[in-house]
N, C-alpha and C. Protein backbone atom coordinates (compact mmCIF):
# COMPACT_ATOMS: atom_id res chain seq x y z
N MET A 1 14.20 6.05 0.36
CA MET A 1 12.82 5.59 0.41
C MET A 1 12.77 4.30 1.23
N LYS A 2 11.77 4.25 2.12
CA LYS A 2 11.55 3.04 2.90
C LYS A 2 10.09 2.63 2.75
N ILE A 3 9.87 1.35 2.51
CA ILE A 3 8.53 0.84 2.25
C ILE A 3 8.14 -0.14 3.35
N GLY A 4 6.90 -0.04 3.79
CA GLY A 4 6.36 -1.00 4.75
C GLY A 4 5.52 -2.03 4.02
N ILE A 5 5.56 -3.25 4.54
CA ILE A 5 4.76 -4.34 3.99
C ILE A 5 3.99 -4.97 5.15
N ALA A 6 2.71 -5.18 4.95
CA ALA A 6 1.91 -5.88 5.95
C ALA A 6 0.94 -6.80 5.25
N ASN A 7 0.64 -7.89 5.90
CA ASN A 7 -0.24 -8.90 5.31
C ASN A 7 -0.94 -9.67 6.41
N ASP A 8 -2.00 -10.35 6.00
CA ASP A 8 -2.61 -11.31 6.91
C ASP A 8 -2.15 -12.71 6.48
N HIS A 9 -2.80 -13.72 7.00
CA HIS A 9 -2.41 -15.10 6.72
C HIS A 9 -2.53 -15.46 5.24
N HIS A 10 -3.34 -14.72 4.48
CA HIS A 10 -3.46 -14.99 3.04
C HIS A 10 -2.28 -14.45 2.25
N GLY A 11 -1.58 -13.47 2.78
CA GLY A 11 -0.58 -12.77 2.00
C GLY A 11 0.85 -13.19 2.20
N ILE A 12 1.09 -14.28 2.90
CA ILE A 12 2.47 -14.66 3.24
C ILE A 12 3.31 -14.91 2.00
N GLU A 13 2.83 -15.68 1.06
CA GLU A 13 3.62 -16.01 -0.13
C GLU A 13 3.88 -14.79 -1.00
N LEU A 14 2.86 -13.95 -1.19
CA LEU A 14 3.05 -12.75 -1.99
C LEU A 14 4.03 -11.81 -1.29
N LYS A 15 3.94 -11.72 0.03
CA LYS A 15 4.88 -10.86 0.76
C LYS A 15 6.31 -11.32 0.54
N LYS A 16 6.54 -12.62 0.52
CA LYS A 16 7.90 -13.13 0.26
C LYS A 16 8.40 -12.66 -1.10
N ARG A 17 7.53 -12.67 -2.08
CA ARG A 17 7.91 -12.19 -3.42
C ARG A 17 8.18 -10.70 -3.41
N ILE A 18 7.40 -9.93 -2.65
CA ILE A 18 7.61 -8.49 -2.55
C ILE A 18 8.95 -8.20 -1.87
N ILE A 19 9.23 -8.90 -0.79
CA ILE A 19 10.51 -8.71 -0.09
C ILE A 19 11.67 -9.05 -1.01
N ASN A 20 11.56 -10.11 -1.75
CA ASN A 20 12.62 -10.47 -2.71
C ASN A 20 12.82 -9.35 -3.72
N TYR A 21 11.75 -8.82 -4.25
CA TYR A 21 11.79 -7.71 -5.20
C TYR A 21 12.53 -6.52 -4.58
N LEU A 22 12.16 -6.14 -3.36
CA LEU A 22 12.77 -4.99 -2.71
C LEU A 22 14.26 -5.22 -2.42
N GLU A 23 14.58 -6.40 -1.95
CA GLU A 23 15.98 -6.71 -1.64
C GLU A 23 16.84 -6.70 -2.90
N GLU A 24 16.33 -7.22 -4.00
CA GLU A 24 17.08 -7.20 -5.26
C GLU A 24 17.38 -5.78 -5.72
N ARG A 25 16.57 -4.82 -5.32
CA ARG A 25 16.73 -3.43 -5.74
C ARG A 25 17.30 -2.55 -4.62
N ASN A 26 17.72 -3.19 -3.54
CA ASN A 26 18.29 -2.47 -2.39
C ASN A 26 17.36 -1.39 -1.86
N ILE A 27 16.07 -1.69 -1.80
CA ILE A 27 15.09 -0.78 -1.24
C ILE A 27 14.82 -1.20 0.20
N GLU A 28 14.98 -0.26 1.11
CA GLU A 28 14.73 -0.55 2.52
C GLU A 28 13.25 -0.83 2.77
N TYR A 29 12.98 -1.72 3.72
CA TYR A 29 11.59 -2.03 4.04
C TYR A 29 11.47 -2.44 5.50
N ILE A 30 10.26 -2.34 5.99
CA ILE A 30 9.91 -2.86 7.32
C ILE A 30 8.77 -3.84 7.11
N ASN A 31 8.91 -5.01 7.68
CA ASN A 31 7.88 -6.05 7.60
C ASN A 31 6.96 -5.91 8.80
N TYR A 32 5.76 -5.41 8.56
CA TYR A 32 4.75 -5.28 9.60
C TYR A 32 3.79 -6.47 9.59
N GLY A 33 4.06 -7.42 8.73
CA GLY A 33 3.07 -8.43 8.43
C GLY A 33 3.12 -9.67 9.28
N CYS A 34 2.21 -10.49 8.99
CA CYS A 34 2.03 -11.78 9.63
C CYS A 34 2.94 -12.80 8.94
N ASP A 35 3.53 -13.66 9.72
CA ASP A 35 4.40 -14.70 9.16
C ASP A 35 3.94 -16.11 9.53
N VAL A 36 2.69 -16.22 9.98
CA VAL A 36 2.13 -17.53 10.33
C VAL A 36 0.85 -17.76 9.54
N VAL A 37 0.54 -19.01 9.27
CA VAL A 37 -0.64 -19.32 8.47
C VAL A 37 -1.92 -19.36 9.31
N ASP A 38 -1.79 -19.17 10.61
CA ASP A 38 -2.98 -19.14 11.47
C ASP A 38 -3.85 -17.95 11.10
N ASN A 39 -5.15 -18.13 11.21
CA ASN A 39 -6.11 -17.08 10.90
C ASN A 39 -5.89 -15.88 11.81
N VAL A 40 -5.67 -14.70 11.22
CA VAL A 40 -5.47 -13.47 11.98
C VAL A 40 -6.39 -12.39 11.43
N ASP A 41 -6.49 -11.28 12.15
CA ASP A 41 -7.32 -10.16 11.72
C ASP A 41 -6.48 -9.18 10.92
N TYR A 42 -6.78 -9.05 9.64
CA TYR A 42 -6.04 -8.15 8.75
C TYR A 42 -6.05 -6.72 9.26
N VAL A 43 -7.09 -6.36 9.98
CA VAL A 43 -7.25 -4.99 10.48
C VAL A 43 -6.02 -4.56 11.28
N ASP A 44 -5.57 -5.44 12.17
CA ASP A 44 -4.44 -5.11 13.05
C ASP A 44 -3.17 -4.82 12.26
N TYR A 45 -2.94 -5.58 11.21
CA TYR A 45 -1.73 -5.41 10.41
C TYR A 45 -1.80 -4.15 9.57
N ALA A 46 -2.96 -3.84 9.03
CA ALA A 46 -3.13 -2.60 8.26
C ALA A 46 -2.91 -1.38 9.16
N ILE A 47 -3.44 -1.43 10.36
CA ILE A 47 -3.27 -0.31 11.30
C ILE A 47 -1.79 -0.10 11.61
N ASN A 48 -1.06 -1.18 11.88
CA ASN A 48 0.36 -1.05 12.21
C ASN A 48 1.15 -0.40 11.07
N LEU A 49 0.90 -0.83 9.85
CA LEU A 49 1.60 -0.24 8.71
C LEU A 49 1.24 1.24 8.56
N CYS A 50 -0.04 1.56 8.65
CA CYS A 50 -0.46 2.95 8.49
C CYS A 50 0.12 3.84 9.59
N LYS A 51 0.23 3.33 10.78
CA LYS A 51 0.88 4.10 11.85
C LYS A 51 2.35 4.35 11.51
N GLY A 52 2.98 3.40 10.81
CA GLY A 52 4.36 3.60 10.36
C GLY A 52 4.47 4.79 9.41
N ILE A 53 3.49 4.96 8.55
CA ILE A 53 3.47 6.13 7.65
C ILE A 53 3.20 7.40 8.46
N GLN A 54 2.22 7.33 9.33
CA GLN A 54 1.88 8.51 10.14
C GLN A 54 3.07 8.97 10.98
N ASN A 55 3.85 8.02 11.49
CA ASN A 55 5.01 8.33 12.33
C ASN A 55 6.27 8.62 11.51
N LYS A 56 6.15 8.54 10.18
CA LYS A 56 7.25 8.77 9.25
C LYS A 56 8.38 7.75 9.38
N ASP A 57 8.04 6.54 9.83
CA ASP A 57 9.00 5.44 9.85
C ASP A 57 9.19 4.87 8.45
N ILE A 58 8.15 4.99 7.63
CA ILE A 58 8.18 4.54 6.24
C ILE A 58 7.54 5.61 5.36
N ASP A 59 7.86 5.53 4.06
CA ASP A 59 7.31 6.51 3.11
C ASP A 59 6.05 6.00 2.43
N TYR A 60 6.06 4.71 2.09
CA TYR A 60 4.94 4.09 1.37
C TYR A 60 4.65 2.73 1.99
N GLY A 61 3.44 2.22 1.70
CA GLY A 61 3.06 0.93 2.22
C GLY A 61 2.46 0.03 1.17
N ILE A 62 2.65 -1.26 1.38
CA ILE A 62 2.04 -2.30 0.55
C ILE A 62 1.31 -3.24 1.50
N LEU A 63 0.00 -3.37 1.31
CA LEU A 63 -0.82 -4.24 2.15
C LEU A 63 -1.35 -5.39 1.32
N VAL A 64 -1.35 -6.60 1.89
CA VAL A 64 -1.82 -7.78 1.18
C VAL A 64 -2.77 -8.57 2.07
N CYS A 65 -3.93 -8.88 1.52
CA CYS A 65 -4.86 -9.81 2.16
C CYS A 65 -5.50 -10.65 1.06
N GLY A 66 -6.48 -11.42 1.39
CA GLY A 66 -7.08 -12.31 0.39
C GLY A 66 -7.50 -11.59 -0.88
N THR A 67 -8.22 -10.49 -0.73
CA THR A 67 -8.68 -9.72 -1.89
C THR A 67 -8.02 -8.36 -2.01
N GLY A 68 -7.41 -7.87 -0.97
CA GLY A 68 -6.87 -6.52 -0.93
C GLY A 68 -7.92 -5.49 -0.54
N ILE A 69 -9.17 -5.88 -0.54
CA ILE A 69 -10.26 -4.95 -0.28
C ILE A 69 -10.33 -4.58 1.20
N GLY A 70 -10.28 -5.56 2.07
CA GLY A 70 -10.36 -5.29 3.51
C GLY A 70 -9.25 -4.37 3.97
N MET A 71 -8.03 -4.65 3.52
CA MET A 71 -6.89 -3.81 3.88
C MET A 71 -7.10 -2.38 3.38
N SER A 72 -7.64 -2.23 2.19
CA SER A 72 -7.89 -0.91 1.63
C SER A 72 -8.90 -0.13 2.47
N ILE A 73 -9.94 -0.81 2.89
CA ILE A 73 -10.96 -0.15 3.71
C ILE A 73 -10.36 0.36 5.01
N VAL A 74 -9.59 -0.50 5.66
CA VAL A 74 -8.96 -0.10 6.93
C VAL A 74 -8.01 1.07 6.72
N ALA A 75 -7.14 0.96 5.74
CA ALA A 75 -6.13 2.00 5.51
C ALA A 75 -6.78 3.35 5.26
N ASN A 76 -7.84 3.36 4.48
CA ASN A 76 -8.48 4.62 4.13
C ASN A 76 -9.26 5.25 5.29
N LYS A 77 -9.39 4.54 6.40
CA LYS A 77 -10.00 5.10 7.60
C LYS A 77 -8.98 5.88 8.43
N MET A 78 -7.71 5.72 8.12
CA MET A 78 -6.65 6.29 8.95
C MET A 78 -6.22 7.65 8.41
N LYS A 79 -6.03 8.58 9.30
CA LYS A 79 -5.67 9.96 8.94
C LYS A 79 -4.37 9.99 8.12
N GLY A 80 -4.43 10.70 7.01
CA GLY A 80 -3.26 10.90 6.17
C GLY A 80 -2.95 9.77 5.22
N ILE A 81 -3.75 8.73 5.23
CA ILE A 81 -3.51 7.59 4.36
C ILE A 81 -4.44 7.65 3.16
N ILE A 82 -3.85 7.47 2.00
CA ILE A 82 -4.63 7.32 0.77
C ILE A 82 -4.20 5.99 0.17
N ALA A 83 -5.10 5.02 0.22
CA ALA A 83 -4.79 3.67 -0.25
C ALA A 83 -5.61 3.35 -1.48
N GLY A 84 -4.99 2.67 -2.42
CA GLY A 84 -5.68 2.23 -3.61
C GLY A 84 -5.51 0.74 -3.80
N LYS A 85 -6.62 0.06 -4.05
CA LYS A 85 -6.60 -1.36 -4.38
C LYS A 85 -6.15 -1.48 -5.82
N VAL A 86 -5.05 -2.16 -6.04
CA VAL A 86 -4.43 -2.23 -7.36
C VAL A 86 -4.52 -3.64 -7.93
N ASN A 87 -4.99 -3.73 -9.17
CA ASN A 87 -5.09 -5.01 -9.87
C ASN A 87 -4.16 -5.10 -11.07
N THR A 88 -3.79 -3.96 -11.62
CA THR A 88 -3.01 -3.96 -12.86
C THR A 88 -1.84 -2.99 -12.75
N PRO A 89 -0.84 -3.16 -13.61
CA PRO A 89 0.28 -2.21 -13.63
C PRO A 89 -0.18 -0.77 -13.89
N ARG A 90 -1.15 -0.59 -14.78
CA ARG A 90 -1.65 0.77 -15.06
C ARG A 90 -2.31 1.38 -13.82
N GLU A 91 -3.07 0.60 -13.08
CA GLU A 91 -3.68 1.12 -11.85
C GLU A 91 -2.62 1.53 -10.84
N ALA A 92 -1.48 0.85 -10.83
CA ALA A 92 -0.39 1.22 -9.92
C ALA A 92 0.12 2.62 -10.23
N ILE A 93 0.21 2.93 -11.52
CA ILE A 93 0.64 4.28 -11.92
C ILE A 93 -0.42 5.30 -11.52
N LEU A 94 -1.66 5.05 -11.90
CA LEU A 94 -2.71 6.04 -11.70
C LEU A 94 -3.05 6.28 -10.23
N THR A 95 -2.97 5.24 -9.42
CA THR A 95 -3.31 5.43 -8.00
C THR A 95 -2.30 6.37 -7.33
N LYS A 96 -1.06 6.33 -7.78
CA LYS A 96 -0.07 7.22 -7.20
C LYS A 96 -0.03 8.57 -7.91
N GLU A 97 -0.09 8.55 -9.23
CA GLU A 97 0.02 9.79 -10.00
C GLU A 97 -1.20 10.69 -9.80
N HIS A 98 -2.39 10.15 -9.98
CA HIS A 98 -3.61 10.96 -9.91
C HIS A 98 -4.18 11.06 -8.50
N ASN A 99 -4.04 9.99 -7.72
CA ASN A 99 -4.64 9.98 -6.39
C ASN A 99 -3.63 10.17 -5.27
N MET A 100 -2.36 10.25 -5.64
CA MET A 100 -1.28 10.49 -4.67
C MET A 100 -1.30 9.48 -3.53
N ALA A 101 -1.62 8.25 -3.85
CA ALA A 101 -1.70 7.20 -2.83
C ALA A 101 -0.33 6.98 -2.20
N ASN A 102 -0.34 6.75 -0.89
CA ASN A 102 0.89 6.37 -0.20
C ASN A 102 0.85 4.90 0.20
N VAL A 103 -0.24 4.23 -0.13
CA VAL A 103 -0.40 2.79 0.13
C VAL A 103 -1.09 2.14 -1.05
N ILE A 104 -0.61 0.96 -1.43
CA ILE A 104 -1.37 0.13 -2.36
C ILE A 104 -1.75 -1.15 -1.64
N THR A 105 -2.90 -1.69 -2.02
CA THR A 105 -3.33 -2.96 -1.46
C THR A 105 -3.44 -3.96 -2.60
N LEU A 106 -3.05 -5.19 -2.30
CA LEU A 106 -3.00 -6.25 -3.30
C LEU A 106 -3.72 -7.49 -2.79
N ALA A 107 -4.25 -8.25 -3.73
CA ALA A 107 -4.84 -9.55 -3.42
C ALA A 107 -3.72 -10.59 -3.41
N GLU A 108 -3.92 -11.65 -2.66
CA GLU A 108 -2.90 -12.69 -2.57
C GLU A 108 -2.58 -13.32 -3.92
N TYR A 109 -3.49 -13.25 -4.87
CA TYR A 109 -3.31 -13.88 -6.18
C TYR A 109 -2.89 -12.87 -7.24
N THR A 110 -2.31 -11.75 -6.85
CA THR A 110 -1.92 -10.69 -7.77
C THR A 110 -0.96 -11.19 -8.84
N GLU A 111 -1.28 -10.84 -10.08
CA GLU A 111 -0.41 -11.14 -11.21
C GLU A 111 0.37 -9.88 -11.58
N ASN A 112 1.42 -10.02 -12.37
CA ASN A 112 2.24 -8.89 -12.82
C ASN A 112 2.82 -8.11 -11.64
N LEU A 113 3.21 -8.82 -10.58
CA LEU A 113 3.65 -8.16 -9.35
C LEU A 113 4.80 -7.20 -9.59
N GLU A 114 5.85 -7.63 -10.27
CA GLU A 114 7.01 -6.77 -10.44
C GLU A 114 6.67 -5.50 -11.21
N GLU A 115 5.87 -5.60 -12.23
CA GLU A 115 5.49 -4.42 -13.00
C GLU A 115 4.63 -3.48 -12.15
N ILE A 116 3.75 -4.04 -11.35
CA ILE A 116 2.93 -3.22 -10.45
C ILE A 116 3.83 -2.48 -9.46
N LEU A 117 4.77 -3.19 -8.85
CA LEU A 117 5.66 -2.55 -7.88
C LEU A 117 6.54 -1.51 -8.54
N ASP A 118 7.11 -1.83 -9.70
CA ASP A 118 7.92 -0.85 -10.44
C ASP A 118 7.12 0.43 -10.67
N ASN A 119 5.91 0.26 -11.16
CA ASN A 119 5.08 1.42 -11.49
C ASN A 119 4.73 2.24 -10.26
N PHE A 120 4.36 1.58 -9.17
CA PHE A 120 4.00 2.32 -7.97
C PHE A 120 5.21 3.04 -7.38
N ILE A 121 6.32 2.35 -7.26
CA ILE A 121 7.51 2.93 -6.65
C ILE A 121 8.07 4.07 -7.49
N ASN A 122 8.08 3.93 -8.79
CA ASN A 122 8.75 4.89 -9.66
C ASN A 122 7.87 6.02 -10.17
N THR A 123 6.58 5.94 -9.96
CA THR A 123 5.68 7.01 -10.42
C THR A 123 5.70 8.17 -9.44
N LYS A 124 5.74 9.36 -9.98
CA LYS A 124 5.70 10.58 -9.17
C LYS A 124 4.26 11.07 -9.11
N PRO A 125 3.84 11.59 -7.96
CA PRO A 125 2.51 12.17 -7.87
C PRO A 125 2.37 13.34 -8.84
N SER A 126 1.21 13.49 -9.37
CA SER A 126 0.92 14.57 -10.32
C SER A 126 1.06 15.93 -9.64
N THR A 127 1.49 16.90 -10.41
CA THR A 127 1.53 18.28 -9.92
C THR A 127 0.39 19.10 -10.53
N GLU A 128 -0.47 18.43 -11.30
CA GLU A 128 -1.59 19.13 -11.92
C GLU A 128 -2.58 19.59 -10.85
N GLU A 129 -3.05 20.81 -11.03
CA GLU A 129 -3.95 21.43 -10.06
C GLU A 129 -5.21 20.59 -9.83
N ARG A 130 -5.77 20.02 -10.87
CA ARG A 130 -7.01 19.24 -10.71
C ARG A 130 -6.80 18.03 -9.80
N HIS A 131 -5.65 17.40 -9.88
CA HIS A 131 -5.39 16.25 -9.01
C HIS A 131 -5.15 16.70 -7.57
N LYS A 132 -4.39 17.75 -7.39
CA LYS A 132 -4.14 18.26 -6.05
C LYS A 132 -5.44 18.72 -5.39
N ARG A 133 -6.30 19.38 -6.16
CA ARG A 133 -7.59 19.86 -5.64
C ARG A 133 -8.44 18.70 -5.14
N ARG A 134 -8.49 17.63 -5.92
CA ARG A 134 -9.31 16.47 -5.55
C ARG A 134 -8.79 15.81 -4.27
N ILE A 135 -7.48 15.70 -4.17
CA ILE A 135 -6.89 15.06 -2.97
C ILE A 135 -7.15 15.92 -1.74
N GLU A 136 -7.05 17.22 -1.88
CA GLU A 136 -7.37 18.11 -0.75
C GLU A 136 -8.80 17.89 -0.27
N LYS A 137 -9.73 17.73 -1.19
CA LYS A 137 -11.13 17.46 -0.82
C LYS A 137 -11.26 16.13 -0.08
N ILE A 138 -10.53 15.12 -0.56
CA ILE A 138 -10.58 13.80 0.10
C ILE A 138 -10.03 13.89 1.50
N LEU A 139 -8.88 14.55 1.66
CA LEU A 139 -8.25 14.63 2.99
C LEU A 139 -9.10 15.42 3.97
N LYS A 140 -9.85 16.39 3.50
CA LYS A 140 -10.74 17.15 4.38
C LYS A 140 -11.84 16.27 4.96
N LEU A 141 -12.17 15.20 4.29
CA LEU A 141 -13.20 14.28 4.80
C LEU A 141 -12.79 13.63 6.12
N GLU A 142 -11.50 13.55 6.39
CA GLU A 142 -11.03 12.94 7.64
C GLU A 142 -11.51 13.72 8.86
N ASN A 143 -11.85 14.95 8.67
CA ASN A 143 -12.30 15.79 9.79
C ASN A 143 -13.82 15.75 9.99
N ASN A 144 -14.53 15.03 9.13
CA ASN A 144 -16.00 14.95 9.26
C ASN A 144 -16.40 13.84 10.22
């Protein structure tokens, strides 16, 4: 498994914590993010990470911006990406299990980071027909 991380200027400190988490667990990652505090456009970083998933350079992505909302909006515009804005450890499970998300987005002030990452990384997508049916409907929207 390889995970991509991208952030804007708001997410630098949280990204450092995420990288530390991944390194402690020997999980491969690619840093698509910003490493300077200068004001940048989060859109560009979200696009780069999502292209990494589309090109199969990474399996999953973690996006960080001030609120996580902007990154989520951008990611969900990209073909094949299902991104969920996660605030709690339980949401990390459900966004992957029920919604089969391949990207989570986080706010720079995210609490319970390790539990959220554990839950997202270790949760398997649901095999229940109702969840698969719903995701198929969502993915068909990309063609509209």
